[in-house]
Protein backbone atom coordinates (compact mmCIF):
# COMPACT_ATOMS: atom_id res chain seq x y z
CA MET A 1 -31.68 -15.71 -36.34
CA LYS A 2 -27.95 -14.46 -36.82
CA ALA A 3 -25.48 -16.42 -34.86
CA LEU A 4 -22.15 -15.19 -33.69
CA VAL A 5 -19.23 -17.62 -32.91
CA ILE A 6 -15.76 -17.24 -31.39
CA GLY A 7 -13.73 -20.62 -31.17
CA ALA A 8 -14.82 -21.76 -34.51
CA THR A 9 -11.63 -23.66 -35.35
CA GLY A 10 -11.76 -25.68 -32.28
CA ALA A 11 -13.37 -29.18 -31.85
CA THR A 12 -16.52 -27.88 -30.39
CA GLY A 13 -16.62 -24.91 -32.49
CA LYS A 14 -16.38 -26.97 -35.74
CA ASP A 15 -19.26 -29.21 -34.76
CA LEU A 16 -21.33 -25.94 -33.54
CA VAL A 17 -20.71 -24.16 -36.94
CA SER A 18 -21.52 -27.33 -38.75
CA GLN A 19 -24.86 -27.58 -37.04
CA LEU A 20 -25.59 -24.02 -37.16
CA LEU A 21 -25.33 -24.20 -40.96
CA THR A 22 -27.80 -26.88 -41.29
CA ASP A 23 -30.26 -25.48 -38.74
CA LYS A 24 -33.28 -24.02 -40.21
CA GLY A 25 -33.51 -21.57 -37.30
CA TYR A 26 -30.43 -19.77 -38.31
CA ASP A 27 -30.12 -17.81 -41.49
CA GLU A 28 -26.58 -16.40 -40.85
CA VAL A 29 -23.72 -17.58 -39.12
CA ASN A 30 -20.66 -15.14 -38.37
CA VAL A 31 -17.39 -16.61 -37.16
CA PHE A 32 -14.58 -14.66 -35.89
CA VAL A 33 -11.35 -16.36 -36.63
CA ARG A 34 -7.49 -15.85 -37.15
CA ARG A 35 -7.74 -18.17 -40.23
CA PRO A 36 -10.17 -19.03 -42.77
CA LEU A 37 -12.45 -22.20 -42.14
CA ALA A 38 -12.36 -25.09 -44.49
CA VAL A 39 -16.01 -24.60 -45.11
CA GLU A 40 -18.03 -22.80 -47.90
CA ASN A 41 -21.63 -22.26 -47.20
CA PRO A 42 -23.96 -19.35 -48.24
CA LYS A 43 -24.95 -18.95 -44.60
CA LEU A 44 -21.41 -18.55 -43.48
CA LYS A 45 -19.83 -15.07 -42.96
CA THR A 46 -16.07 -15.19 -42.03
CA HIS A 47 -14.41 -12.44 -40.35
CA ILE A 48 -10.51 -12.74 -40.08
CA VAL A 49 -9.39 -10.72 -36.97
CA ASN A 50 -6.61 -9.90 -34.82
CA PHE A 51 -8.00 -10.81 -31.26
CA ASP A 52 -5.37 -8.46 -29.69
CA LYS A 53 -7.05 -5.70 -31.20
CA PRO A 54 -10.73 -5.78 -30.36
CA GLU A 55 -11.22 -2.08 -31.52
CA GLU A 56 -10.81 -3.28 -34.96
CA TRP A 57 -13.68 -5.85 -34.96
CA LYS A 58 -15.91 -5.03 -32.08
CA ASP A 59 -18.41 -3.20 -34.29
CA LEU A 60 -19.02 -6.45 -36.24
CA VAL A 61 -20.20 -8.44 -33.19
CA LYS A 62 -23.90 -7.82 -33.86
CA GLY A 63 -26.45 -10.45 -34.10
CA ASP A 64 -29.17 -12.54 -32.07
CA VAL A 65 -26.94 -15.13 -30.18
CA ALA A 66 -23.26 -15.06 -29.44
CA PHE A 67 -21.54 -18.45 -28.90
CA SER A 68 -18.21 -18.54 -27.10
CA CYS A 69 -16.19 -21.92 -27.31
CA LEU A 70 -12.62 -20.58 -27.40
CA GLY A 71 -9.97 -22.24 -25.44
CA THR A 72 -6.54 -23.67 -25.41
CA THR A 73 -4.20 -25.68 -23.33
CA LEU A 74 -1.10 -24.69 -21.26
CA LYS A 75 0.91 -27.00 -23.46
CA THR A 76 -0.06 -25.14 -26.63
CA ALA A 77 -0.11 -21.76 -25.24
CA GLY A 78 3.40 -22.23 -23.79
CA SER A 79 2.78 -20.33 -20.61
CA LYS A 80 -0.13 -19.33 -18.12
CA GLU A 81 0.10 -15.88 -19.31
CA ALA A 82 -0.60 -16.79 -22.91
CA GLN A 83 -3.23 -19.22 -22.04
CA ARG A 84 -5.01 -16.60 -20.01
CA LYS A 85 -4.90 -14.19 -22.88
CA VAL A 86 -6.93 -16.76 -25.06
CA ASP A 87 -9.16 -18.24 -22.35
CA TYR A 88 -9.92 -14.90 -20.54
CA ASP A 89 -8.97 -11.86 -22.59
CA TYR A 90 -10.03 -12.66 -25.86
CA GLN A 91 -13.37 -14.06 -24.69
CA TYR A 92 -14.14 -11.32 -22.42
CA HIS A 93 -13.42 -8.68 -25.36
CA PHE A 94 -15.96 -10.61 -27.39
CA ALA A 95 -18.45 -10.66 -24.79
CA LYS A 96 -18.03 -7.04 -24.00
CA ALA A 97 -18.46 -6.15 -27.70
CA ALA A 98 -21.65 -8.35 -27.74
CA LYS A 99 -23.13 -6.51 -24.94
CA GLU A 100 -22.16 -3.16 -26.17
CA ASN A 101 -23.85 -4.14 -29.46
CA GLU A 102 -27.12 -5.18 -27.73
CA VAL A 103 -26.75 -8.96 -28.32
CA GLU A 104 -29.31 -10.45 -26.02
CA ASP A 105 -28.40 -14.03 -25.83
CA TYR A 106 -24.87 -15.28 -24.78
CA ILE A 107 -23.72 -18.86 -24.64
CA LEU A 108 -20.45 -19.82 -23.05
CA VAL A 109 -18.63 -22.96 -22.73
CA SER A 110 -16.66 -23.02 -19.54
CA SER A 111 -15.36 -25.90 -17.49
CA TYR A 112 -16.35 -28.26 -14.76
CA GLY A 113 -14.90 -26.96 -11.40
CA ALA A 114 -14.66 -23.33 -12.50
CA ASN A 115 -14.47 -21.10 -9.49
CA PRO A 116 -12.90 -17.70 -9.29
CA LYS A 117 -11.61 -18.69 -5.74
CA SER A 118 -9.92 -21.96 -6.88
CA LYS A 119 -6.25 -22.58 -6.02
CA ILE A 120 -5.97 -24.35 -9.44
CA PHE A 121 -4.97 -21.78 -12.14
CA TYR A 122 -7.20 -23.23 -14.94
CA SER A 123 -10.29 -23.46 -12.83
CA ARG A 124 -9.86 -20.20 -11.30
CA MET A 125 -9.39 -18.51 -14.69
CA LYS A 126 -12.63 -20.13 -15.91
CA GLY A 127 -14.34 -18.84 -12.78
CA GLU A 128 -13.24 -15.51 -13.17
CA LEU A 129 -14.33 -15.33 -16.77
CA GLU A 130 -17.74 -16.65 -15.81
CA GLN A 131 -18.29 -13.88 -13.13
CA SER A 132 -17.04 -11.17 -15.58
CA ILE A 133 -19.34 -12.23 -18.25
CA LYS A 134 -22.31 -12.44 -15.74
CA ASP A 135 -21.40 -8.94 -14.61
CA LEU A 136 -22.13 -7.70 -18.12
CA HIS A 137 -25.62 -8.69 -17.44
CA PHE A 138 -27.06 -9.94 -20.59
CA ASN A 139 -30.58 -10.43 -21.04
CA LYS A 140 -29.97 -14.20 -21.24
CA LEU A 141 -26.80 -15.94 -20.29
CA THR A 142 -26.22 -19.68 -20.25
CA ILE A 143 -23.04 -21.22 -19.30
CA PHE A 144 -22.11 -24.92 -19.97
CA GLN A 145 -19.64 -26.60 -17.69
CA PRO A 146 -18.63 -29.84 -19.42
CA GLY A 147 -16.18 -32.47 -17.86
CA MET A 148 -13.86 -34.14 -20.07
CA LEU A 149 -14.67 -33.85 -23.73
CA GLU A 150 -14.33 -36.29 -26.43
CA ARG A 151 -12.98 -34.71 -29.59
CA LYS A 152 -12.91 -36.23 -32.86
CA ASP A 153 -9.11 -36.99 -33.89
CA SER A 154 -7.97 -35.45 -30.63
CA GLU A 155 -4.05 -35.00 -30.16
CA ARG A 156 -4.30 -34.51 -26.60
CA THR A 157 -2.97 -37.68 -25.16
CA GLY A 158 -4.05 -37.11 -21.73
CA GLU A 159 -7.41 -36.38 -22.60
CA VAL A 160 -7.48 -39.55 -24.84
CA LEU A 161 -6.24 -41.84 -22.11
CA GLY A 162 -8.58 -40.23 -19.59
CA GLY A 163 -11.68 -40.75 -21.49
CA LYS A 164 -10.86 -44.48 -22.07
CA ILE A 165 -10.43 -44.93 -18.33
CA ILE A 166 -13.69 -43.24 -17.65
CA LYS A 167 -15.53 -45.06 -20.21
CA PHE A 168 -14.30 -48.26 -18.84
CA ALA A 169 -15.16 -47.36 -15.44
CA ASN A 170 -18.66 -46.32 -16.56
CA LYS A 171 -19.31 -49.93 -17.82
CA PHE A 172 -19.19 -50.93 -14.14
CA GLY A 173 -21.34 -48.08 -12.96
CA VAL A 174 -18.34 -46.05 -11.64
CA LEU A 175 -18.05 -42.45 -12.67
CA THR A 176 -21.19 -42.30 -14.47
CA GLN A 177 -21.72 -38.60 -13.88
CA GLN A 178 -18.33 -37.92 -15.51
CA LYS A 179 -18.71 -39.75 -18.76
CA PRO A 180 -16.74 -38.09 -21.73
CA LEU A 181 -18.88 -35.66 -23.43
CA PRO A 182 -18.64 -35.75 -27.33
CA THR A 183 -18.28 -32.34 -28.73
CA GLU A 184 -21.01 -32.72 -31.27
CA VAL A 185 -23.50 -33.35 -28.25
CA LEU A 186 -22.19 -30.34 -26.57
CA ALA A 187 -22.83 -28.16 -29.67
CA LYS A 188 -26.33 -29.53 -30.05
CA ALA A 189 -27.01 -28.59 -26.49
CA MET A 190 -25.92 -25.12 -27.09
CA ILE A 191 -28.09 -24.61 -30.17
CA ASN A 192 -30.93 -26.02 -27.99
CA SER A 193 -30.43 -23.65 -25.45
CA SER A 194 -30.49 -20.83 -27.67
CA LYS A 195 -34.14 -21.73 -28.75
CA ILE A 196 -35.43 -21.59 -25.27
CA LYS A 197 -37.26 -18.28 -24.80
CA SER A 198 -36.31 -17.07 -21.27
CA TYR A 199 -34.44 -14.44 -19.35
CA GLY A 200 -31.64 -14.46 -16.87
CA TYR A 201 -28.73 -16.66 -16.03
CA SER A 202 -28.39 -20.53 -15.96
CA LYS A 203 -25.71 -22.98 -15.67
CA ILE A 204 -25.77 -26.47 -17.29
CA LYS A 205 -23.38 -29.09 -15.76
CA LEU A 206 -22.00 -32.41 -16.75
CA GLY A 207 -24.60 -35.16 -17.33
CA SER A 208 -27.42 -32.73 -17.70
CA ILE A 209 -25.81 -31.56 -21.09
CA PHE A 210 -26.50 -34.89 -22.50
CA SER A 211 -30.22 -34.79 -21.66
CA PHE A 212 -30.31 -31.00 -22.92
CA ALA A 213 -28.90 -32.10 -26.09
CA GLU A 214 -31.92 -34.32 -26.57
CA LYS A 215 -34.53 -31.79 -25.92
CA ASN A 216 -36.31 -30.38 -29.22
CA HIS A 217 -36.65 -26.60 -28.87
CA SER A 218 -37.04 -25.94 -32.60
C-alpha cells in the first residue's frame, strides 16, 4: 500500500512514519512537510511543500491511505488565527485533495472533547475539522480522539506535569480512562485501523486506543 502523511515532523507523526517504514504492508510512504526529515529509507518519498498554496501540491496527494496528525499549540502558533491555519486549514486542504484524488481511506488524529459547538476554542476548532472532513464522504474515515499524549522528549511543560499527575492518580485507580497515551501506541493504532477492511465512519476514543493498538490486522 501507499501511505500519505501530513504532520510527519511532530511526535505522533515521527512514530507513525517510523512504523510505516518497517511495516511490510506498506511499500511507499509519502510525507508532506515544510522541511526534510532526518530519515533516509528507500520507501520514503518526501514532498517539500508550502501549505499555504495547496494548488501547488494537491495533485501529489494520491495513494491508498492518508494519515493526518498535524497540529500545533497556541503558544507555538502565537495566535488563535495562526493555530487555526495549521490545525484546521492545512488539514482540510490535505483532506480535500485526498478526496479529489480518490484516496479511499482517511485517518485523522483529533482530540478528546472535540465538538463544533464547544465554547472552548480548541475543542470547537477540532470539532469543526472533524465535521468538515466527514462532509467530504470518504469511503472509510477513522477519527482518533486521544486525551493527553505522552511525547518523547516533550517540551510542553503543562503536558509533562499533567501526565505525571494522571499517572500518579492511576496508581490509586483514579482517572484510569485518562491515562497518558504514548505517541507510538497511537501510531500503531492508526496503522492497525488502516488494515481493517470496512467502510463508513468510526471514532476511536481514549482508552479504546490502547486495545486497538494491540490488535493484529496484518
